[in-house]
Amino acid sequence: MAMPDTEKYRKKIITLPNILSFFRICLIPVIVWLYCVKKDYLLTTLVLILSAITDIADGIIARHYGMISDFGKAFDPIADKLTQFAMLLCLTFRFRLMAIPAAVLFVKEISAGIMSLMAIHRSGEVEGADWHGKVSTALLYGTMILHLIWFNIPAAISTSLIIICTAMMLLSAVLYAIRNLSAISSGKEANI
């Protein structure tokens, strides 16, 4: 079987994976409306799961068909983080401690975004997600979904999940910072 031509898609914006990422962004107002206005937690959960499935699907499609684009490497995590942040803010109305991972996510993504832009400027390369980012995302989705479907989740379990999730997010933030600082310090300024 021939390997996909990844260079063909590197500079493209309109690809199937990127359309799926855009679809995830379009689901955010639906999620917020279902949770805050309709208070339909089951339907909110189903739409959040649909969003997570499209996230997994766009990664599989991009790798399998070589549709990995520089735009997609940046756009996909933006769609993920906007979805996660919106859902965390919604959950904060019922679970006040959700404000902690929401704040960590906000600070982590702003700082990582700035450092990533500096690294791209220095190296000309757009890096994808590392394992710890994927684990952090999976834990965050798991925590959010559990809090959605388990209406009366015991405080001890809720707190434990939030602590574990937040700790993984902090670890991921540190590891991304190390990667980006390394790219910034070792890369030569790229002509982008």
N, C-alpha and C. Protein backbone atom coordinates (compact mmCIF):
# COMPACT_ATOMS: atom_id res chain seq x y z
N MET A 1 0.84 -1.19 0.00
CA MET A 1 0.00 0.00 0.00
C MET A 1 0.89 1.25 0.00
N ALA A 2 0.58 2.20 -0.87
CA ALA A 2 1.38 3.41 -0.98
C ALA A 2 1.11 4.33 0.21
N MET A 3 2.17 5.02 0.62
CA MET A 3 2.04 5.98 1.72
C MET A 3 1.36 7.24 1.19
N PRO A 4 0.50 7.88 2.01
CA PRO A 4 -0.15 9.11 1.56
C PRO A 4 0.86 10.25 1.37
N ASP A 5 0.57 11.12 0.43
CA ASP A 5 1.42 12.27 0.15
C ASP A 5 1.08 13.39 1.13
N THR A 6 1.80 13.47 2.25
CA THR A 6 1.49 14.45 3.29
C THR A 6 1.82 15.87 2.86
N GLU A 7 2.80 16.06 2.00
CA GLU A 7 3.16 17.41 1.55
C GLU A 7 2.03 18.06 0.76
N LYS A 8 1.22 17.24 0.11
CA LYS A 8 0.10 17.74 -0.70
C LYS A 8 -0.89 18.55 0.15
N TYR A 9 -1.05 18.17 1.43
CA TYR A 9 -2.03 18.81 2.30
C TYR A 9 -1.40 19.79 3.30
N ARG A 10 -0.08 19.85 3.37
CA ARG A 10 0.58 20.61 4.44
C ARG A 10 0.12 22.06 4.52
N LYS A 11 -0.04 22.72 3.41
CA LYS A 11 -0.42 24.14 3.40
C LYS A 11 -1.92 24.37 3.16
N LYS A 12 -2.69 23.30 3.08
CA LYS A 12 -4.13 23.44 2.81
C LYS A 12 -4.89 23.80 4.09
N ILE A 13 -5.99 24.52 3.87
CA ILE A 13 -6.87 24.88 4.99
C ILE A 13 -8.14 24.04 4.94
N ILE A 14 -8.72 23.90 3.76
CA ILE A 14 -9.98 23.15 3.65
C ILE A 14 -9.66 21.68 3.39
N THR A 15 -9.70 20.92 4.48
CA THR A 15 -9.53 19.47 4.43
C THR A 15 -10.63 18.86 5.29
N LEU A 16 -10.90 17.60 5.12
CA LEU A 16 -11.95 16.95 5.92
C LEU A 16 -11.66 17.05 7.42
N PRO A 17 -10.42 16.80 7.88
CA PRO A 17 -10.16 16.95 9.32
C PRO A 17 -10.43 18.38 9.82
N ASN A 18 -10.08 19.38 9.02
CA ASN A 18 -10.31 20.76 9.44
C ASN A 18 -11.81 21.10 9.45
N ILE A 19 -12.56 20.52 8.53
CA ILE A 19 -14.02 20.71 8.53
C ILE A 19 -14.62 20.10 9.79
N LEU A 20 -14.11 18.94 10.21
CA LEU A 20 -14.59 18.33 11.45
C LEU A 20 -14.25 19.20 12.66
N SER A 21 -13.08 19.83 12.65
CA SER A 21 -12.72 20.74 13.74
C SER A 21 -13.66 21.94 13.77
N PHE A 22 -13.99 22.47 12.59
CA PHE A 22 -14.93 23.59 12.51
C PHE A 22 -16.31 23.16 13.01
N PHE A 23 -16.72 21.94 12.67
CA PHE A 23 -17.99 21.40 13.15
C PHE A 23 -18.02 21.36 14.67
N ARG A 24 -16.89 21.00 15.29
CA ARG A 24 -16.81 20.97 16.76
C ARG A 24 -17.02 22.36 17.34
N ILE A 25 -16.46 23.38 16.69
CA ILE A 25 -16.66 24.74 17.17
C ILE A 25 -18.14 25.12 17.06
N CYS A 26 -18.79 24.70 15.99
CA CYS A 26 -20.23 24.97 15.81
C CYS A 26 -21.09 24.27 16.86
N LEU A 27 -20.59 23.18 17.42
CA LEU A 27 -21.35 22.47 18.46
C LEU A 27 -21.30 23.17 19.82
N ILE A 28 -20.34 24.07 20.03
CA ILE A 28 -20.18 24.72 21.34
C ILE A 28 -21.45 25.46 21.77
N PRO A 29 -22.03 26.33 20.93
CA PRO A 29 -23.26 27.00 21.39
C PRO A 29 -24.40 26.02 21.65
N VAL A 30 -24.42 24.92 20.92
CA VAL A 30 -25.46 23.90 21.13
C VAL A 30 -25.27 23.27 22.52
N ILE A 31 -24.04 22.95 22.86
CA ILE A 31 -23.73 22.36 24.17
C ILE A 31 -24.14 23.32 25.28
N VAL A 32 -23.75 24.58 25.17
CA VAL A 32 -24.06 25.58 26.20
C VAL A 32 -25.58 25.75 26.33
N TRP A 33 -26.28 25.83 25.19
CA TRP A 33 -27.73 25.99 25.21
C TRP A 33 -28.42 24.79 25.87
N LEU A 34 -27.99 23.58 25.48
CA LEU A 34 -28.59 22.38 26.06
C LEU A 34 -28.36 22.30 27.56
N TYR A 35 -27.17 22.70 28.00
CA TYR A 35 -26.85 22.59 29.42
C TYR A 35 -27.49 23.71 30.24
N CYS A 36 -27.30 24.95 29.79
CA CYS A 36 -27.73 26.10 30.60
C CYS A 36 -29.20 26.47 30.43
N VAL A 37 -29.73 26.34 29.22
CA VAL A 37 -31.11 26.76 28.96
C VAL A 37 -32.08 25.58 29.09
N LYS A 38 -31.83 24.53 28.34
CA LYS A 38 -32.72 23.36 28.35
C LYS A 38 -32.52 22.49 29.59
N LYS A 39 -31.33 22.57 30.18
CA LYS A 39 -30.97 21.72 31.33
C LYS A 39 -31.18 20.23 31.01
N ASP A 40 -30.87 19.89 29.78
CA ASP A 40 -30.97 18.50 29.32
C ASP A 40 -29.57 17.91 29.35
N TYR A 41 -29.22 17.34 30.50
CA TYR A 41 -27.85 16.87 30.72
C TYR A 41 -27.52 15.64 29.88
N LEU A 42 -28.52 14.80 29.62
CA LEU A 42 -28.28 13.63 28.78
C LEU A 42 -27.96 14.04 27.35
N LEU A 43 -28.76 14.95 26.80
CA LEU A 43 -28.51 15.41 25.43
C LEU A 43 -27.20 16.20 25.36
N THR A 44 -26.90 16.97 26.40
CA THR A 44 -25.61 17.67 26.46
C THR A 44 -24.47 16.66 26.39
N THR A 45 -24.61 15.58 27.15
CA THR A 45 -23.59 14.53 27.15
C THR A 45 -23.43 13.92 25.76
N LEU A 46 -24.54 13.64 25.10
CA LEU A 46 -24.48 13.03 23.77
C LEU A 46 -23.80 13.96 22.76
N VAL A 47 -24.10 15.25 22.83
CA VAL A 47 -23.46 16.20 21.91
C VAL A 47 -21.97 16.34 22.24
N LEU A 48 -21.63 16.34 23.53
CA LEU A 48 -20.21 16.40 23.92
C LEU A 48 -19.47 15.15 23.44
N ILE A 49 -20.11 13.99 23.55
CA ILE A 49 -19.50 12.75 23.04
C ILE A 49 -19.34 12.82 21.53
N LEU A 50 -20.34 13.35 20.82
CA LEU A 50 -20.24 13.54 19.37
C LEU A 50 -19.03 14.42 19.05
N SER A 51 -18.87 15.48 19.82
CA SER A 51 -17.73 16.38 19.63
C SER A 51 -16.41 15.62 19.83
N ALA A 52 -16.34 14.81 20.88
CA ALA A 52 -15.13 14.02 21.14
C ALA A 52 -14.87 13.01 20.02
N ILE A 53 -15.93 12.40 19.51
CA ILE A 53 -15.79 11.42 18.42
C ILE A 53 -15.25 12.10 17.16
N THR A 54 -15.75 13.31 16.86
CA THR A 54 -15.23 14.01 15.68
C THR A 54 -13.77 14.40 15.87
N ASP A 55 -13.38 14.65 17.13
CA ASP A 55 -11.97 14.95 17.42
C ASP A 55 -11.10 13.73 17.12
N ILE A 56 -11.55 12.57 17.57
CA ILE A 56 -10.81 11.33 17.30
C ILE A 56 -10.79 11.04 15.80
N ALA A 57 -11.96 11.21 15.16
CA ALA A 57 -12.08 10.92 13.73
C ALA A 57 -11.17 11.82 12.89
N ASP A 58 -11.11 13.11 13.23
CA ASP A 58 -10.28 13.98 12.39
C ASP A 58 -8.81 13.62 12.50
N GLY A 59 -8.38 13.16 13.66
CA GLY A 59 -6.99 12.71 13.81
C GLY A 59 -6.70 11.45 13.01
N ILE A 60 -7.63 10.50 13.06
CA ILE A 60 -7.47 9.25 12.32
C ILE A 60 -7.45 9.52 10.82
N ILE A 61 -8.39 10.34 10.36
CA ILE A 61 -8.47 10.67 8.92
C ILE A 61 -7.19 11.39 8.48
N ALA A 62 -6.77 12.36 9.27
CA ALA A 62 -5.57 13.14 8.91
C ALA A 62 -4.34 12.24 8.77
N ARG A 63 -4.17 11.33 9.72
CA ARG A 63 -2.98 10.44 9.67
C ARG A 63 -3.12 9.39 8.58
N HIS A 64 -4.29 8.77 8.47
CA HIS A 64 -4.47 7.67 7.51
C HIS A 64 -4.37 8.13 6.06
N TYR A 65 -4.95 9.29 5.78
CA TYR A 65 -4.97 9.78 4.40
C TYR A 65 -3.93 10.87 4.14
N GLY A 66 -3.06 11.11 5.12
CA GLY A 66 -2.01 12.11 4.94
C GLY A 66 -2.52 13.53 4.86
N MET A 67 -3.70 13.79 5.43
CA MET A 67 -4.30 15.13 5.38
C MET A 67 -3.84 15.99 6.56
N ILE A 68 -2.59 15.87 6.91
CA ILE A 68 -2.05 16.64 8.04
C ILE A 68 -1.61 18.00 7.50
N SER A 69 -2.27 19.04 7.97
CA SER A 69 -1.93 20.39 7.52
C SER A 69 -1.42 21.21 8.70
N ASP A 70 -0.59 22.20 8.39
CA ASP A 70 -0.11 23.09 9.45
C ASP A 70 -1.28 23.81 10.11
N PHE A 71 -2.26 24.23 9.30
CA PHE A 71 -3.45 24.88 9.85
C PHE A 71 -4.19 23.94 10.80
N GLY A 72 -4.34 22.69 10.39
CA GLY A 72 -5.05 21.70 11.20
C GLY A 72 -4.36 21.43 12.52
N LYS A 73 -3.02 21.43 12.51
CA LYS A 73 -2.27 21.20 13.76
C LYS A 73 -2.56 22.31 14.77
N ALA A 74 -2.83 23.51 14.29
CA ALA A 74 -3.14 24.62 15.19
C ALA A 74 -4.64 24.71 15.47
N PHE A 75 -5.47 24.46 14.44
CA PHE A 75 -6.91 24.65 14.55
C PHE A 75 -7.58 23.56 15.40
N ASP A 76 -7.13 22.32 15.25
CA ASP A 76 -7.72 21.20 15.99
C ASP A 76 -7.65 21.42 17.50
N PRO A 77 -6.47 21.78 18.07
CA PRO A 77 -6.45 22.01 19.51
C PRO A 77 -7.28 23.22 19.94
N ILE A 78 -7.41 24.22 19.07
CA ILE A 78 -8.24 25.38 19.42
C ILE A 78 -9.69 24.94 19.57
N ALA A 79 -10.16 24.12 18.62
CA ALA A 79 -11.53 23.60 18.70
C ALA A 79 -11.73 22.79 19.98
N ASP A 80 -10.74 21.96 20.30
CA ASP A 80 -10.82 21.15 21.52
C ASP A 80 -10.90 22.02 22.77
N LYS A 81 -9.97 22.98 22.86
CA LYS A 81 -9.88 23.78 24.08
C LYS A 81 -11.09 24.69 24.25
N LEU A 82 -11.62 25.23 23.17
CA LEU A 82 -12.83 26.04 23.27
C LEU A 82 -14.01 25.21 23.77
N THR A 83 -14.12 23.98 23.24
CA THR A 83 -15.18 23.07 23.69
C THR A 83 -15.02 22.74 25.17
N GLN A 84 -13.81 22.38 25.55
CA GLN A 84 -13.54 22.02 26.95
C GLN A 84 -13.81 23.19 27.88
N PHE A 85 -13.33 24.37 27.51
CA PHE A 85 -13.49 25.54 28.37
C PHE A 85 -14.97 25.89 28.54
N ALA A 86 -15.72 25.85 27.44
CA ALA A 86 -17.16 26.15 27.52
C ALA A 86 -17.87 25.15 28.43
N MET A 87 -17.54 23.86 28.28
CA MET A 87 -18.19 22.83 29.10
C MET A 87 -17.81 22.98 30.56
N LEU A 88 -16.54 23.28 30.83
CA LEU A 88 -16.10 23.48 32.22
C LEU A 88 -16.83 24.67 32.86
N LEU A 89 -16.98 25.75 32.10
CA LEU A 89 -17.71 26.90 32.63
C LEU A 89 -19.16 26.54 32.94
N CYS A 90 -19.78 25.77 32.05
CA CYS A 90 -21.16 25.31 32.31
C CYS A 90 -21.22 24.48 33.59
N LEU A 91 -20.30 23.55 33.72
CA LEU A 91 -20.30 22.67 34.90
C LEU A 91 -20.02 23.42 36.19
N THR A 92 -19.35 24.56 36.11
CA THR A 92 -19.05 25.36 37.29
C THR A 92 -20.32 25.81 38.01
N PHE A 93 -21.44 25.93 37.27
CA PHE A 93 -22.70 26.33 37.90
C PHE A 93 -23.21 25.27 38.88
N ARG A 94 -22.90 24.00 38.61
CA ARG A 94 -23.32 22.92 39.52
C ARG A 94 -22.19 22.44 40.41
N PHE A 95 -20.96 22.52 39.91
CA PHE A 95 -19.79 22.02 40.64
C PHE A 95 -18.75 23.13 40.68
N ARG A 96 -18.73 23.86 41.80
CA ARG A 96 -17.88 25.05 41.89
C ARG A 96 -16.40 24.76 41.68
N LEU A 97 -15.96 23.56 42.08
CA LEU A 97 -14.54 23.22 41.93
C LEU A 97 -14.12 23.10 40.47
N MET A 98 -15.08 23.00 39.54
CA MET A 98 -14.74 22.95 38.11
C MET A 98 -14.09 24.25 37.67
N ALA A 99 -14.20 25.29 38.49
CA ALA A 99 -13.53 26.56 38.17
C ALA A 99 -12.01 26.39 38.18
N ILE A 100 -11.50 25.42 38.95
CA ILE A 100 -10.05 25.21 39.03
C ILE A 100 -9.50 24.69 37.70
N PRO A 101 -10.02 23.55 37.16
CA PRO A 101 -9.50 23.13 35.86
C PRO A 101 -9.81 24.15 34.75
N ALA A 102 -10.91 24.87 34.87
CA ALA A 102 -11.22 25.90 33.86
C ALA A 102 -10.15 26.99 33.87
N ALA A 103 -9.75 27.43 35.06
CA ALA A 103 -8.72 28.46 35.17
C ALA A 103 -7.37 27.93 34.68
N VAL A 104 -7.05 26.70 35.06
CA VAL A 104 -5.78 26.09 34.63
C VAL A 104 -5.76 25.96 33.11
N LEU A 105 -6.88 25.49 32.53
CA LEU A 105 -6.97 25.35 31.08
C LEU A 105 -6.77 26.70 30.40
N PHE A 106 -7.41 27.73 30.92
CA PHE A 106 -7.30 29.07 30.33
C PHE A 106 -5.85 29.56 30.34
N VAL A 107 -5.23 29.52 31.51
CA VAL A 107 -3.84 30.01 31.64
C VAL A 107 -2.89 29.14 30.82
N LYS A 108 -3.07 27.82 30.89
CA LYS A 108 -2.20 26.89 30.16
C LYS A 108 -2.27 27.15 28.66
N GLU A 109 -3.47 27.31 28.13
CA GLU A 109 -3.62 27.47 26.68
C GLU A 109 -3.14 28.83 26.19
N ILE A 110 -3.34 29.87 26.97
CA ILE A 110 -2.83 31.19 26.58
C ILE A 110 -1.30 31.16 26.56
N SER A 111 -0.70 30.65 27.64
CA SER A 111 0.77 30.62 27.69
C SER A 111 1.35 29.66 26.66
N ALA A 112 0.73 28.50 26.49
CA ALA A 112 1.23 27.53 25.50
C ALA A 112 1.06 28.09 24.09
N GLY A 113 -0.04 28.80 23.85
CA GLY A 113 -0.27 29.39 22.54
C GLY A 113 0.79 30.42 22.19
N ILE A 114 1.11 31.29 23.14
CA ILE A 114 2.14 32.31 22.91
C ILE A 114 3.49 31.65 22.67
N MET A 115 3.83 30.67 23.52
CA MET A 115 5.13 30.00 23.36
C MET A 115 5.18 29.21 22.05
N SER A 116 4.06 28.60 21.66
CA SER A 116 4.03 27.86 20.40
C SER A 116 4.25 28.78 19.21
N LEU A 117 3.63 29.95 19.25
CA LEU A 117 3.83 30.92 18.17
C LEU A 117 5.29 31.35 18.09
N MET A 118 5.91 31.55 19.24
CA MET A 118 7.33 31.91 19.26
C MET A 118 8.18 30.77 18.69
N ALA A 119 7.84 29.54 19.06
CA ALA A 119 8.58 28.38 18.57
C ALA A 119 8.40 28.23 17.06
N ILE A 120 7.17 28.45 16.57
CA ILE A 120 6.92 28.37 15.12
C ILE A 120 7.71 29.44 14.39
N HIS A 121 7.74 30.63 14.96
CA HIS A 121 8.48 31.74 14.35
C HIS A 121 9.97 31.40 14.26
N ARG A 122 10.50 30.77 15.31
CA ARG A 122 11.93 30.44 15.34
C ARG A 122 12.27 29.25 14.45
N SER A 123 11.41 28.22 14.45
CA SER A 123 11.76 26.98 13.75
C SER A 123 11.06 26.81 12.40
N GLY A 124 9.90 27.47 12.25
CA GLY A 124 9.12 27.27 11.02
C GLY A 124 8.32 25.99 11.03
N GLU A 125 8.38 25.23 12.11
CA GLU A 125 7.67 23.96 12.23
C GLU A 125 6.49 24.09 13.18
N VAL A 126 5.37 23.47 12.80
CA VAL A 126 4.19 23.42 13.67
C VAL A 126 4.15 22.03 14.28
N GLU A 127 4.29 21.97 15.59
CA GLU A 127 4.31 20.69 16.30
C GLU A 127 2.89 20.22 16.60
N GLY A 128 2.69 18.92 16.59
CA GLY A 128 1.40 18.35 16.96
C GLY A 128 1.33 18.08 18.46
N ALA A 129 0.26 17.44 18.87
CA ALA A 129 0.06 17.13 20.29
C ALA A 129 0.97 15.98 20.72
N ASP A 130 1.43 16.06 21.96
CA ASP A 130 2.23 14.98 22.56
C ASP A 130 1.31 14.09 23.38
N TRP A 131 1.86 12.96 23.84
CA TRP A 131 1.07 11.96 24.58
C TRP A 131 0.40 12.57 25.81
N HIS A 132 1.10 13.44 26.53
CA HIS A 132 0.55 13.99 27.77
C HIS A 132 -0.63 14.91 27.48
N GLY A 133 -0.60 15.58 26.34
CA GLY A 133 -1.73 16.42 25.95
C GLY A 133 -2.95 15.57 25.66
N LYS A 134 -2.71 14.42 25.01
CA LYS A 134 -3.83 13.52 24.68
C LYS A 134 -4.41 12.88 25.95
N VAL A 135 -3.53 12.51 26.88
CA VAL A 135 -4.00 11.93 28.15
C VAL A 135 -4.79 12.99 28.94
N SER A 136 -4.27 14.21 28.95
CA SER A 136 -4.94 15.30 29.64
C SER A 136 -6.33 15.55 29.06
N THR A 137 -6.42 15.53 27.73
CA THR A 137 -7.71 15.73 27.06
C THR A 137 -8.68 14.59 27.39
N ALA A 138 -8.19 13.35 27.35
CA ALA A 138 -9.05 12.20 27.66
C ALA A 138 -9.56 12.28 29.11
N LEU A 139 -8.68 12.61 30.04
CA LEU A 139 -9.09 12.74 31.44
C LEU A 139 -10.12 13.86 31.62
N LEU A 140 -9.89 14.96 30.93
CA LEU A 140 -10.81 16.09 31.04
C LEU A 140 -12.19 15.73 30.50
N TYR A 141 -12.23 15.10 29.31
CA TYR A 141 -13.52 14.68 28.76
C TYR A 141 -14.20 13.66 29.68
N GLY A 142 -13.42 12.71 30.20
CA GLY A 142 -13.99 11.72 31.12
C GLY A 142 -14.58 12.36 32.35
N THR A 143 -13.86 13.32 32.93
CA THR A 143 -14.33 14.02 34.12
C THR A 143 -15.60 14.81 33.82
N MET A 144 -15.61 15.51 32.69
CA MET A 144 -16.79 16.30 32.34
C MET A 144 -18.00 15.41 32.10
N ILE A 145 -17.80 14.34 31.34
CA ILE A 145 -18.92 13.44 31.03
C ILE A 145 -19.47 12.78 32.29
N LEU A 146 -18.57 12.35 33.18
CA LEU A 146 -19.03 11.75 34.45
C LEU A 146 -19.88 12.74 35.26
N HIS A 147 -19.45 14.00 35.30
CA HIS A 147 -20.21 15.01 36.03
C HIS A 147 -21.53 15.34 35.35
N LEU A 148 -21.60 15.12 34.06
CA LEU A 148 -22.86 15.34 33.34
C LEU A 148 -23.87 14.22 33.60
N ILE A 149 -23.39 12.97 33.52
CA ILE A 149 -24.33 11.85 33.61
C ILE A 149 -24.61 11.41 35.05
N TRP A 150 -23.69 11.69 35.96
CA TRP A 150 -23.87 11.30 37.35
C TRP A 150 -24.30 12.54 38.13
N PHE A 151 -25.60 12.82 38.09
CA PHE A 151 -26.13 14.08 38.61
C PHE A 151 -25.76 14.29 40.08
N ASN A 152 -25.85 13.23 40.87
CA ASN A 152 -25.55 13.34 42.31
C ASN A 152 -24.21 12.70 42.65
N ILE A 153 -23.21 12.98 41.86
CA ILE A 153 -21.88 12.42 42.11
C ILE A 153 -21.42 12.82 43.51
N PRO A 154 -20.95 11.86 44.31
CA PRO A 154 -20.48 12.20 45.66
C PRO A 154 -19.34 13.22 45.61
N ALA A 155 -19.32 14.13 46.56
CA ALA A 155 -18.33 15.22 46.58
C ALA A 155 -16.90 14.67 46.58
N ALA A 156 -16.66 13.57 47.30
CA ALA A 156 -15.29 13.01 47.37
C ALA A 156 -14.83 12.53 45.99
N ILE A 157 -15.72 11.87 45.26
CA ILE A 157 -15.36 11.38 43.92
C ILE A 157 -15.18 12.55 42.96
N SER A 158 -16.08 13.51 43.03
CA SER A 158 -15.98 14.70 42.19
C SER A 158 -14.66 15.43 42.43
N THR A 159 -14.34 15.67 43.68
CA THR A 159 -13.11 16.37 44.04
C THR A 159 -11.88 15.59 43.58
N SER A 160 -11.89 14.28 43.79
CA SER A 160 -10.75 13.45 43.37
C SER A 160 -10.53 13.52 41.87
N LEU A 161 -11.62 13.41 41.10
CA LEU A 161 -11.51 13.49 39.64
C LEU A 161 -10.97 14.85 39.19
N ILE A 162 -11.45 15.89 39.82
CA ILE A 162 -11.01 17.24 39.48
C ILE A 162 -9.53 17.42 39.80
N ILE A 163 -9.09 16.90 40.95
CA ILE A 163 -7.67 17.00 41.33
C ILE A 163 -6.79 16.23 40.35
N ILE A 164 -7.17 14.99 40.02
CA ILE A 164 -6.38 14.17 39.09
C ILE A 164 -6.29 14.86 37.72
N CYS A 165 -7.43 15.33 37.25
CA CYS A 165 -7.51 16.00 35.95
C CYS A 165 -6.64 17.26 35.94
N THR A 166 -6.75 18.06 36.98
CA THR A 166 -5.97 19.30 37.07
C THR A 166 -4.48 19.01 37.16
N ALA A 167 -4.11 17.98 37.92
CA ALA A 167 -2.69 17.61 38.03
C ALA A 167 -2.12 17.21 36.67
N MET A 168 -2.89 16.44 35.88
CA MET A 168 -2.43 16.04 34.55
C MET A 168 -2.32 17.24 33.63
N MET A 169 -3.25 18.18 33.75
CA MET A 169 -3.19 19.39 32.94
C MET A 169 -1.95 20.21 33.27
N LEU A 170 -1.62 20.30 34.56
CA LEU A 170 -0.42 21.04 34.97
C LEU A 170 0.85 20.36 34.48
N LEU A 171 0.90 19.02 34.58
CA LEU A 171 2.06 18.27 34.07
C LEU A 171 2.21 18.52 32.57
N SER A 172 1.12 18.44 31.85
CA SER A 172 1.15 18.66 30.41
C SER A 172 1.62 20.08 30.09
N ALA A 173 1.17 21.06 30.87
CA ALA A 173 1.60 22.44 30.65
C ALA A 173 3.10 22.58 30.81
N VAL A 174 3.65 21.94 31.83
CA VAL A 174 5.10 22.00 32.06
C VAL A 174 5.86 21.32 30.92
N LEU A 175 5.40 20.15 30.49
CA LEU A 175 6.09 19.42 29.42
C LEU A 175 6.01 20.17 28.09
N TYR A 176 4.88 20.80 27.80
CA TYR A 176 4.78 21.62 26.58
C TYR A 176 5.68 22.85 26.68
N ALA A 177 5.76 23.45 27.86
CA ALA A 177 6.63 24.61 28.05
C ALA A 177 8.08 24.24 27.79
N ILE A 178 8.50 23.07 28.29
CA ILE A 178 9.87 22.60 28.07
C ILE A 178 10.12 22.40 26.57
N ARG A 179 9.17 21.75 25.88
CA ARG A 179 9.31 21.51 24.45
C ARG A 179 9.40 22.83 23.68
N ASN A 180 8.52 23.77 24.02
CA ASN A 180 8.51 25.04 23.30
C ASN A 180 9.75 25.87 23.60
N LEU A 181 10.20 25.88 24.84
CA LEU A 181 11.42 26.62 25.18
C LEU A 181 12.62 26.05 24.46
N SER A 182 12.64 24.73 24.34
CA SER A 182 13.74 24.08 23.60
C SER A 182 13.71 24.49 22.13
N ALA A 183 12.53 24.52 21.53
CA ALA A 183 12.40 24.92 20.12
C ALA A 183 12.78 26.38 19.94
N ILE A 184 12.39 27.22 20.91
CA ILE A 184 12.70 28.64 20.82
C ILE A 184 14.20 28.88 20.93
N SER A 185 14.83 28.19 21.88
CA SER A 185 16.26 28.43 22.12
C SER A 185 17.16 27.79 21.07
N SER A 186 16.73 26.67 20.47
CA SER A 186 17.61 25.99 19.52
C SER A 186 17.32 26.33 18.07
N GLY A 187 16.12 26.85 17.78
CA GLY A 187 15.76 27.10 16.39
C GLY A 187 16.31 28.41 15.88
N LYS A 188 16.57 28.43 14.59
CA LYS A 188 16.95 29.67 13.93
C LYS A 188 15.68 30.31 13.41
N GLU A 189 15.67 31.62 13.35
CA GLU A 189 14.47 32.32 12.90
C GLU A 189 14.10 31.87 11.50
N ALA A 190 12.84 31.48 11.34
CA ALA A 190 12.38 30.95 10.05
C ALA A 190 11.81 32.08 9.20
N ASN A 191 11.89 31.92 7.91
CA ASN A 191 11.27 32.87 7.00
C ASN A 191 9.87 32.38 6.67
N ILE A 192 8.92 32.84 7.47
CA ILE A 192 7.53 32.38 7.29
C ILE A 192 6.75 33.46 6.56
